[in-house]
N, C-alpha and C. Protein backbone atom coordinates (compact mmCIF):
# COMPACT_ATOMS: atom_id res chain seq x y z
N MET A 1 0.87 -1.05 -0.03
CA MET A 1 0.05 -0.07 0.03
C MET A 1 0.90 1.23 0.02
N GLU A 2 0.76 2.06 -0.99
CA GLU A 2 1.49 3.24 -1.16
C GLU A 2 1.10 4.32 -0.32
N ARG A 3 1.98 4.89 0.65
CA ARG A 3 1.48 6.05 1.52
C ARG A 3 1.31 7.26 0.65
N VAL A 4 0.52 8.18 1.10
CA VAL A 4 0.06 9.55 0.58
C VAL A 4 0.50 10.52 1.61
N PRO A 5 1.62 11.18 1.37
CA PRO A 5 2.27 12.27 2.14
C PRO A 5 1.25 13.47 2.24
N MET A 6 0.98 14.01 3.34
CA MET A 6 0.00 15.08 3.35
C MET A 6 0.21 15.82 4.73
N THR A 7 -0.18 17.00 4.83
CA THR A 7 -0.21 17.91 6.08
C THR A 7 -1.22 17.47 6.80
N LYS A 8 -1.21 17.92 8.19
CA LYS A 8 -2.38 17.66 9.02
C LYS A 8 -3.86 18.43 8.58
N ALA A 9 -3.48 19.60 7.96
CA ALA A 9 -4.56 20.38 7.49
C ALA A 9 -5.29 19.65 6.19
N GLY A 10 -4.42 19.08 5.28
CA GLY A 10 -4.95 18.34 4.06
C GLY A 10 -5.45 17.07 4.58
N TYR A 11 -5.07 16.40 5.54
CA TYR A 11 -5.86 15.21 6.15
C TYR A 11 -7.11 15.65 6.78
N ASP A 12 -7.14 16.73 7.60
CA ASP A 12 -8.53 17.14 8.05
C ASP A 12 -9.53 17.58 6.97
N ARG A 13 -8.93 18.20 5.89
CA ARG A 13 -9.99 18.44 4.91
C ARG A 13 -10.54 17.19 4.22
N LEU A 14 -9.96 16.30 3.91
CA LEU A 14 -10.28 14.96 3.55
C LEU A 14 -11.30 14.38 4.31
N LYS A 15 -10.95 14.26 5.69
CA LYS A 15 -11.85 13.78 6.60
C LYS A 15 -13.15 14.58 6.55
N GLU A 16 -13.08 15.99 6.66
CA GLU A 16 -14.41 16.81 6.46
C GLU A 16 -15.20 16.58 5.32
N GLU A 17 -14.53 16.38 4.12
CA GLU A 17 -15.33 16.18 2.90
C GLU A 17 -15.93 14.85 2.95
N LEU A 18 -15.27 13.84 3.42
CA LEU A 18 -15.79 12.36 3.59
C LEU A 18 -17.20 12.52 4.51
N GLN A 19 -16.84 13.17 5.52
CA GLN A 19 -18.06 13.28 6.63
C GLN A 19 -19.36 13.99 5.96
N ARG A 20 -18.83 15.08 5.04
CA ARG A 20 -19.89 16.00 4.38
C ARG A 20 -20.83 14.94 3.29
N LEU A 21 -19.87 14.18 2.73
CA LEU A 21 -20.57 13.34 1.77
C LEU A 21 -21.40 12.27 2.42
N LYS A 22 -21.03 11.58 3.51
CA LYS A 22 -21.74 10.63 4.22
C LYS A 22 -22.95 11.03 4.90
N SER A 23 -22.72 12.22 5.64
CA SER A 23 -23.86 12.77 6.46
C SER A 23 -24.75 13.72 5.81
N VAL A 24 -24.44 14.37 4.72
CA VAL A 24 -25.16 15.35 3.95
C VAL A 24 -25.65 14.92 2.53
N GLU A 25 -24.71 14.67 1.74
CA GLU A 25 -24.99 14.29 0.44
C GLU A 25 -25.76 12.91 0.18
N ARG A 26 -25.07 11.85 0.75
CA ARG A 26 -25.73 10.64 0.68
C ARG A 26 -27.32 10.52 1.05
N PRO A 27 -27.42 11.08 2.31
CA PRO A 27 -29.01 11.00 2.76
C PRO A 27 -29.82 11.89 1.74
N LYS A 28 -29.22 12.88 1.24
CA LYS A 28 -30.13 13.93 0.32
C LYS A 28 -30.36 12.99 -1.01
N ASN A 29 -29.31 12.28 -1.37
CA ASN A 29 -29.59 11.35 -2.54
C ASN A 29 -30.48 10.33 -2.35
N VAL A 30 -30.45 9.65 -1.08
CA VAL A 30 -31.46 8.68 -0.82
C VAL A 30 -32.83 9.22 -0.99
N ARG A 31 -33.07 10.48 -0.30
CA ARG A 31 -34.23 10.99 -0.55
C ARG A 31 -34.70 11.50 -1.82
N GLU A 32 -33.84 11.83 -2.76
CA GLU A 32 -34.14 11.98 -4.30
C GLU A 32 -34.58 10.66 -4.99
N ILE A 33 -33.90 9.66 -4.51
CA ILE A 33 -34.21 8.50 -5.12
C ILE A 33 -35.66 7.97 -4.69
N GLU A 34 -35.92 8.12 -3.36
CA GLU A 34 -37.34 7.81 -2.95
C GLU A 34 -38.39 8.72 -3.55
N GLU A 35 -38.23 9.98 -3.55
CA GLU A 35 -39.38 10.85 -4.34
C GLU A 35 -39.35 10.54 -5.81
N ALA A 36 -38.21 10.36 -6.30
CA ALA A 36 -38.40 9.75 -7.76
C ALA A 36 -39.19 8.55 -8.09
N ARG A 37 -38.92 7.65 -7.16
CA ARG A 37 -39.65 6.22 -7.10
C ARG A 37 -41.15 6.53 -7.12
N ALA A 38 -41.53 7.51 -6.23
CA ALA A 38 -42.79 7.75 -5.96
C ALA A 38 -43.68 8.36 -7.23
N HIS A 39 -42.90 8.66 -8.23
CA HIS A 39 -43.53 9.26 -9.25
C HIS A 39 -43.96 8.11 -10.30
N GLY A 40 -43.68 6.84 -10.04
CA GLY A 40 -44.31 5.77 -10.87
C GLY A 40 -43.19 5.06 -11.62
N ASP A 41 -43.70 4.73 -12.85
CA ASP A 41 -42.71 3.89 -13.85
C ASP A 41 -41.41 4.53 -13.81
N LEU A 42 -40.41 3.48 -13.53
CA LEU A 42 -39.07 3.85 -13.37
C LEU A 42 -38.22 3.84 -14.62
N SER A 43 -38.89 2.97 -15.64
CA SER A 43 -38.13 2.92 -16.89
C SER A 43 -38.19 4.24 -17.62
N GLU A 44 -39.00 5.14 -17.42
CA GLU A 44 -39.01 6.37 -18.19
C GLU A 44 -38.83 7.50 -17.21
N ASN A 45 -38.35 7.27 -16.04
CA ASN A 45 -38.18 8.47 -15.08
C ASN A 45 -36.80 9.06 -14.93
N ALA A 46 -36.70 10.11 -15.70
CA ALA A 46 -35.35 10.73 -15.78
C ALA A 46 -34.95 11.15 -14.49
N GLU A 47 -35.75 11.61 -13.46
CA GLU A 47 -35.35 11.93 -12.27
C GLU A 47 -34.63 10.74 -11.48
N TYR A 48 -35.27 9.51 -11.45
CA TYR A 48 -34.82 8.35 -10.90
C TYR A 48 -33.49 8.07 -11.41
N HIS A 49 -33.26 8.03 -12.77
CA HIS A 49 -32.01 7.61 -13.38
C HIS A 49 -30.98 8.59 -13.00
N ALA A 50 -31.36 9.99 -13.01
CA ALA A 50 -30.29 10.88 -12.50
C ALA A 50 -29.87 10.67 -11.04
N ALA A 51 -30.70 10.62 -10.26
CA ALA A 51 -30.49 10.23 -8.86
C ALA A 51 -29.76 8.93 -8.57
N LYS A 52 -29.96 7.91 -9.40
CA LYS A 52 -29.14 6.64 -9.25
C LYS A 52 -27.83 6.79 -9.88
N GLU A 53 -27.74 7.80 -11.03
CA GLU A 53 -26.39 8.01 -11.22
C GLU A 53 -25.57 8.69 -10.44
N ARG A 54 -26.23 9.70 -9.70
CA ARG A 54 -25.56 10.44 -8.62
C ARG A 54 -25.13 9.60 -7.33
N GLN A 55 -26.01 8.71 -7.24
CA GLN A 55 -25.62 7.62 -6.16
C GLN A 55 -24.20 6.77 -6.35
N GLY A 56 -24.25 6.40 -7.78
CA GLY A 56 -22.90 5.97 -8.21
C GLY A 56 -21.71 6.80 -8.06
N HIS A 57 -21.82 8.04 -8.42
CA HIS A 57 -20.84 9.03 -8.21
C HIS A 57 -20.44 9.24 -6.77
N LEU A 58 -21.31 9.41 -5.92
CA LEU A 58 -21.33 9.53 -4.49
C LEU A 58 -20.45 8.41 -4.04
N ALA A 59 -20.92 7.21 -4.27
CA ALA A 59 -20.21 5.96 -3.81
C ALA A 59 -18.63 5.82 -4.23
N ALA A 60 -18.50 6.35 -5.55
CA ALA A 60 -17.07 6.44 -5.91
C ALA A 60 -16.30 7.31 -5.23
N GLN A 61 -16.79 8.63 -5.01
CA GLN A 61 -16.07 9.70 -4.17
C GLN A 61 -15.80 9.23 -2.82
N ILE A 62 -16.61 8.58 -2.23
CA ILE A 62 -16.57 8.15 -0.81
C ILE A 62 -15.50 7.14 -0.86
N ALA A 63 -15.51 6.04 -1.70
CA ALA A 63 -14.43 5.24 -1.85
C ALA A 63 -13.22 5.77 -1.86
N HIS A 64 -13.16 6.64 -2.87
CA HIS A 64 -11.64 7.32 -3.12
C HIS A 64 -11.21 7.99 -1.96
N LEU A 65 -12.06 8.78 -1.26
CA LEU A 65 -11.60 9.62 0.01
C LEU A 65 -11.15 8.46 1.04
N GLU A 66 -12.01 7.44 1.23
CA GLU A 66 -11.59 6.43 2.26
C GLU A 66 -10.39 5.82 2.06
N ASP A 67 -10.01 5.61 0.72
CA ASP A 67 -8.78 4.96 0.42
C ASP A 67 -7.63 5.96 0.65
N LYS A 68 -7.78 7.32 0.21
CA LYS A 68 -6.69 8.34 0.43
C LYS A 68 -6.42 8.39 2.10
N ILE A 69 -7.67 8.43 2.90
CA ILE A 69 -7.42 8.64 4.32
C ILE A 69 -6.64 7.43 4.83
N ALA A 70 -7.06 6.27 4.30
CA ALA A 70 -6.40 5.00 5.00
C ALA A 70 -4.94 5.00 4.41
N ARG A 71 -4.55 5.55 3.50
CA ARG A 71 -2.90 5.49 3.12
C ARG A 71 -2.31 6.88 3.41
N ALA A 72 -3.00 7.69 4.20
CA ALA A 72 -2.46 9.00 4.42
C ALA A 72 -1.30 8.77 5.41
N GLN A 73 -0.22 9.62 5.04
CA GLN A 73 0.95 9.55 6.03
C GLN A 73 1.01 11.22 6.39
N VAL A 74 0.62 11.40 7.54
CA VAL A 74 0.51 12.88 8.03
C VAL A 74 1.90 13.35 8.40
N ILE A 75 2.34 14.16 7.87
CA ILE A 75 3.69 14.65 8.19
C ILE A 75 3.62 16.10 8.75
N ASP A 76 4.24 16.29 9.90
CA ASP A 76 4.31 17.61 10.53
C ASP A 76 5.35 18.38 10.20
N PRO A 77 5.29 19.52 9.21
CA PRO A 77 6.45 20.17 8.67
C PRO A 77 7.40 20.75 9.82
N ALA A 78 6.88 20.99 11.07
CA ALA A 78 7.67 21.57 12.19
C ALA A 78 8.65 20.47 12.69
N GLY A 79 8.38 19.31 12.39
CA GLY A 79 9.29 18.06 12.74
C GLY A 79 10.33 17.86 11.62
N GLN A 80 10.52 18.51 10.57
CA GLN A 80 11.46 18.28 9.61
C GLN A 80 12.75 19.01 9.95
N PRO A 81 13.90 18.61 9.49
CA PRO A 81 15.08 19.48 9.81
C PRO A 81 15.05 20.56 9.03
N ASN A 82 15.36 21.64 9.59
CA ASN A 82 15.20 22.98 8.79
C ASN A 82 16.36 23.47 7.89
N ASP A 83 17.29 22.46 7.75
CA ASP A 83 18.65 22.85 6.92
C ASP A 83 18.41 22.16 5.58
N ARG A 84 17.37 21.47 5.28
CA ARG A 84 17.16 20.58 4.09
C ARG A 84 15.86 20.84 3.59
N VAL A 85 15.52 20.74 2.19
CA VAL A 85 14.25 20.68 1.63
C VAL A 85 13.60 19.34 1.76
N PHE A 86 12.44 19.34 2.45
CA PHE A 86 11.70 18.05 2.40
C PHE A 86 10.14 18.43 2.38
N PHE A 87 9.22 17.33 2.47
CA PHE A 87 7.86 17.71 2.59
C PHE A 87 7.54 18.78 3.62
N GLY A 88 6.70 19.64 3.09
CA GLY A 88 6.21 20.70 4.02
C GLY A 88 7.02 21.84 4.08
N ALA A 89 8.19 22.03 3.49
CA ALA A 89 9.06 23.17 3.23
C ALA A 89 8.45 24.25 2.57
N THR A 90 8.51 25.41 3.02
CA THR A 90 8.43 26.57 2.04
C THR A 90 9.85 27.13 1.64
N VAL A 91 10.03 27.15 0.38
CA VAL A 91 11.40 27.29 -0.11
C VAL A 91 11.26 28.64 -1.03
N VAL A 92 12.35 29.52 -0.85
CA VAL A 92 12.33 30.56 -1.82
C VAL A 92 13.53 30.27 -2.74
N LEU A 93 13.14 30.45 -4.02
CA LEU A 93 14.15 30.27 -5.09
C LEU A 93 14.50 31.42 -5.66
N CYS A 94 15.81 31.35 -6.38
CA CYS A 94 16.08 32.52 -7.28
C CYS A 94 16.34 31.78 -8.60
N ASP A 95 15.59 32.31 -9.67
CA ASP A 95 15.82 31.67 -11.03
C ASP A 95 17.15 32.39 -11.61
N MET A 96 17.99 31.47 -11.89
CA MET A 96 19.34 31.92 -12.08
C MET A 96 19.37 32.67 -13.44
N SER A 97 18.47 32.47 -14.39
CA SER A 97 18.58 33.25 -15.71
C SER A 97 17.78 34.64 -15.66
N THR A 98 16.94 34.74 -14.79
CA THR A 98 16.09 36.12 -14.60
C THR A 98 16.50 36.72 -13.37
N ASP A 99 16.98 36.24 -12.34
CA ASP A 99 16.94 36.75 -10.89
C ASP A 99 15.73 36.85 -10.29
N GLU A 100 14.61 36.23 -10.96
CA GLU A 100 13.33 36.44 -10.28
C GLU A 100 13.24 35.38 -9.18
N GLN A 101 12.60 35.88 -7.94
CA GLN A 101 12.36 35.02 -6.77
C GLN A 101 11.05 34.41 -6.77
N VAL A 102 11.00 33.05 -6.54
CA VAL A 102 9.66 32.47 -6.46
C VAL A 102 9.83 31.75 -5.03
N ARG A 103 8.55 31.44 -4.65
CA ARG A 103 8.32 30.87 -3.35
C ARG A 103 7.28 29.63 -3.57
N TYR A 104 7.77 28.59 -2.98
CA TYR A 104 6.76 27.19 -3.11
C TYR A 104 6.76 26.61 -1.73
N THR A 105 5.65 26.11 -1.52
CA THR A 105 5.57 25.24 -0.33
C THR A 105 5.10 23.74 -0.81
N ILE A 106 5.96 22.83 -0.45
CA ILE A 106 5.73 21.54 -0.80
C ILE A 106 4.61 20.91 -0.02
N VAL A 107 3.49 20.43 -0.61
CA VAL A 107 2.51 19.68 -0.03
C VAL A 107 1.92 18.37 -0.72
N GLY A 108 1.10 17.76 -0.18
CA GLY A 108 0.52 16.69 -0.84
C GLY A 108 -0.35 16.98 -2.08
N GLU A 109 -0.50 15.94 -2.86
CA GLU A 109 -1.20 16.13 -4.21
C GLU A 109 -2.51 16.86 -4.00
N ASP A 110 -3.38 16.45 -3.00
CA ASP A 110 -4.64 16.94 -2.99
C ASP A 110 -4.65 18.38 -2.39
N GLU A 111 -3.57 18.76 -1.89
CA GLU A 111 -3.45 20.10 -1.10
C GLU A 111 -2.88 21.12 -2.30
N ALA A 112 -2.29 20.69 -3.34
CA ALA A 112 -1.66 21.63 -4.35
C ALA A 112 -2.38 22.71 -4.87
N ASP A 113 -1.88 23.85 -5.08
CA ASP A 113 -2.66 24.96 -5.73
C ASP A 113 -1.58 25.77 -6.21
N ALA A 114 -1.18 25.69 -7.41
CA ALA A 114 -0.03 26.51 -7.94
C ALA A 114 -0.16 28.05 -7.82
N ALA A 115 -1.35 28.38 -8.00
CA ALA A 115 -1.77 29.92 -7.99
C ALA A 115 -1.27 30.44 -6.59
N ALA A 116 -1.40 29.56 -5.45
CA ALA A 116 -1.24 29.89 -4.23
C ALA A 116 0.35 29.66 -3.71
N GLY A 117 0.96 29.03 -4.73
CA GLY A 117 2.53 28.63 -4.45
C GLY A 117 2.66 27.30 -3.75
N ARG A 118 1.77 26.56 -3.75
CA ARG A 118 1.68 25.24 -3.06
C ARG A 118 1.76 24.16 -4.13
N ILE A 119 2.89 23.47 -4.16
CA ILE A 119 3.12 22.55 -5.27
C ILE A 119 3.27 21.11 -4.81
N SER A 120 2.66 20.19 -5.64
CA SER A 120 2.75 18.83 -5.40
C SER A 120 4.09 18.14 -4.96
N VAL A 121 4.19 17.38 -3.90
CA VAL A 121 5.38 16.63 -3.57
C VAL A 121 5.96 15.83 -4.86
N THR A 122 4.95 15.46 -5.62
CA THR A 122 5.20 14.71 -6.99
C THR A 122 5.66 15.61 -8.16
N SER A 123 5.60 16.90 -8.02
CA SER A 123 5.96 17.83 -9.11
C SER A 123 7.41 17.55 -9.39
N PRO A 124 7.75 18.11 -10.54
CA PRO A 124 9.17 17.89 -11.07
C PRO A 124 9.95 18.97 -10.30
N ILE A 125 9.46 20.15 -9.91
CA ILE A 125 10.29 21.05 -9.14
C ILE A 125 10.49 20.41 -7.78
N ALA A 126 9.38 19.94 -7.08
CA ALA A 126 9.49 19.54 -5.85
C ALA A 126 10.56 18.45 -5.66
N LYS A 127 10.49 17.44 -6.74
CA LYS A 127 11.27 16.22 -6.65
C LYS A 127 12.81 16.85 -6.64
N ALA A 128 13.03 17.87 -7.60
CA ALA A 128 14.38 18.42 -7.78
C ALA A 128 14.75 19.10 -6.50
N MET A 129 13.98 19.67 -5.74
CA MET A 129 14.40 20.37 -4.69
C MET A 129 14.69 19.58 -3.27
N MET A 130 14.09 18.37 -3.35
CA MET A 130 14.21 17.39 -2.23
C MET A 130 15.66 17.29 -1.79
N GLY A 131 15.90 17.42 -0.45
CA GLY A 131 17.14 17.29 0.12
C GLY A 131 18.33 18.35 -0.09
N LYS A 132 17.84 19.49 -0.81
CA LYS A 132 18.80 20.50 -0.99
C LYS A 132 18.87 21.41 0.18
N ARG A 133 20.04 22.14 0.25
CA ARG A 133 20.32 23.08 1.25
C ARG A 133 20.37 24.57 0.81
N ILE A 134 20.33 25.51 1.62
CA ILE A 134 20.58 26.79 1.16
C ILE A 134 21.74 26.99 0.37
N ASP A 135 21.72 27.79 -0.79
CA ASP A 135 22.76 28.09 -1.76
C ASP A 135 23.10 26.88 -2.65
N ASP A 136 22.25 25.64 -2.66
CA ASP A 136 22.45 24.62 -3.43
C ASP A 136 21.79 24.98 -4.90
N GLU A 137 22.12 24.46 -6.00
CA GLU A 137 21.64 24.72 -7.23
C GLU A 137 20.50 23.67 -7.50
N VAL A 138 19.28 24.05 -8.18
CA VAL A 138 18.24 23.13 -8.27
C VAL A 138 18.13 23.12 -9.74
N ARG A 139 18.24 22.10 -10.69
CA ARG A 139 17.91 22.05 -11.90
C ARG A 139 16.58 21.26 -12.16
N VAL A 140 15.74 22.02 -13.13
CA VAL A 140 14.35 21.31 -13.38
C VAL A 140 14.23 21.17 -14.76
N GLN A 141 13.91 19.96 -15.35
CA GLN A 141 13.62 19.92 -16.70
C GLN A 141 12.29 20.26 -17.02
N VAL A 142 12.10 21.10 -17.98
CA VAL A 142 10.74 21.78 -18.27
C VAL A 142 10.76 21.54 -19.83
N PRO A 143 9.35 21.79 -20.30
CA PRO A 143 9.34 21.64 -21.98
C PRO A 143 10.32 22.34 -22.51
N LYS A 144 10.56 23.48 -22.12
CA LYS A 144 11.47 24.33 -23.03
C LYS A 144 12.97 24.18 -22.71
N GLY A 145 13.41 23.14 -22.00
CA GLY A 145 14.67 23.07 -21.65
C GLY A 145 14.80 22.76 -20.17
N THR A 146 15.94 23.18 -19.49
CA THR A 146 16.33 23.13 -18.25
C THR A 146 16.30 24.50 -17.55
N ARG A 147 15.72 24.56 -16.35
CA ARG A 147 15.90 25.77 -15.68
C ARG A 147 16.58 25.48 -14.38
N GLU A 148 17.27 26.50 -14.06
CA GLU A 148 18.29 26.41 -12.95
C GLU A 148 17.77 27.56 -11.78
N PHE A 149 17.61 27.09 -10.53
CA PHE A 149 17.47 27.95 -9.48
C PHE A 149 18.58 27.67 -8.43
N GLU A 150 18.53 28.79 -7.50
CA GLU A 150 19.43 28.63 -6.21
C GLU A 150 18.31 28.80 -5.05
N VAL A 151 18.56 27.90 -4.10
CA VAL A 151 17.95 27.82 -2.77
C VAL A 151 18.15 28.98 -2.15
N LEU A 152 17.23 29.94 -1.79
CA LEU A 152 17.79 31.17 -0.92
C LEU A 152 17.39 30.80 0.56
N GLU A 153 16.14 30.28 0.66
CA GLU A 153 15.54 30.25 2.16
C GLU A 153 14.82 28.82 2.16
N ILE A 154 14.93 28.32 3.55
CA ILE A 154 14.01 27.12 3.58
C ILE A 154 13.34 27.39 5.13
N VAL A 155 12.09 27.26 4.95
CA VAL A 155 11.25 27.53 6.15
C VAL A 155 10.11 26.36 6.64
N TYR A 156 10.24 25.91 7.90
CA TYR A 156 9.06 25.00 8.04
C TYR A 156 8.11 25.64 9.06
N GLU A 157 6.97 25.72 8.76
CA GLU A 157 5.91 26.39 9.64
C GLU A 157 5.02 25.30 10.09
N GLY A 158 4.98 25.36 11.47
CA GLY A 158 4.19 24.23 12.28
C GLY A 158 2.73 24.78 12.32
């Protein structure tokens, strides 16, 4: 069973979503099916078929979340050694070709949001940064070639 690294906040969000699906969405769907059944002939009952289809989607979502939660490896970023880049690090890099600084926080796949600077631990840049120290160079293969960065800062927030 492959473990899925995530922060405590990411784990809590998955648990909340699972709880919402089980306690709100699934009962709502059961009511939709019951109401549609009450309309009579099920063979031509679009409401019934839509509700049954939604039931299948909900079951798949619930199973997916339960699997992720079962495989979760909750990592406390505050417990990481702060002299190297690992999961949970917020890293400031300098693009060596443009001198532009970028800031990334390495998080689990479900927590990633590139616009907010949160990148997946499985992304090429995160993989390239793993284990690096301040002043180390990071080379990342991108579609247009190789980009080079220098690690300026490593911070772990608890």
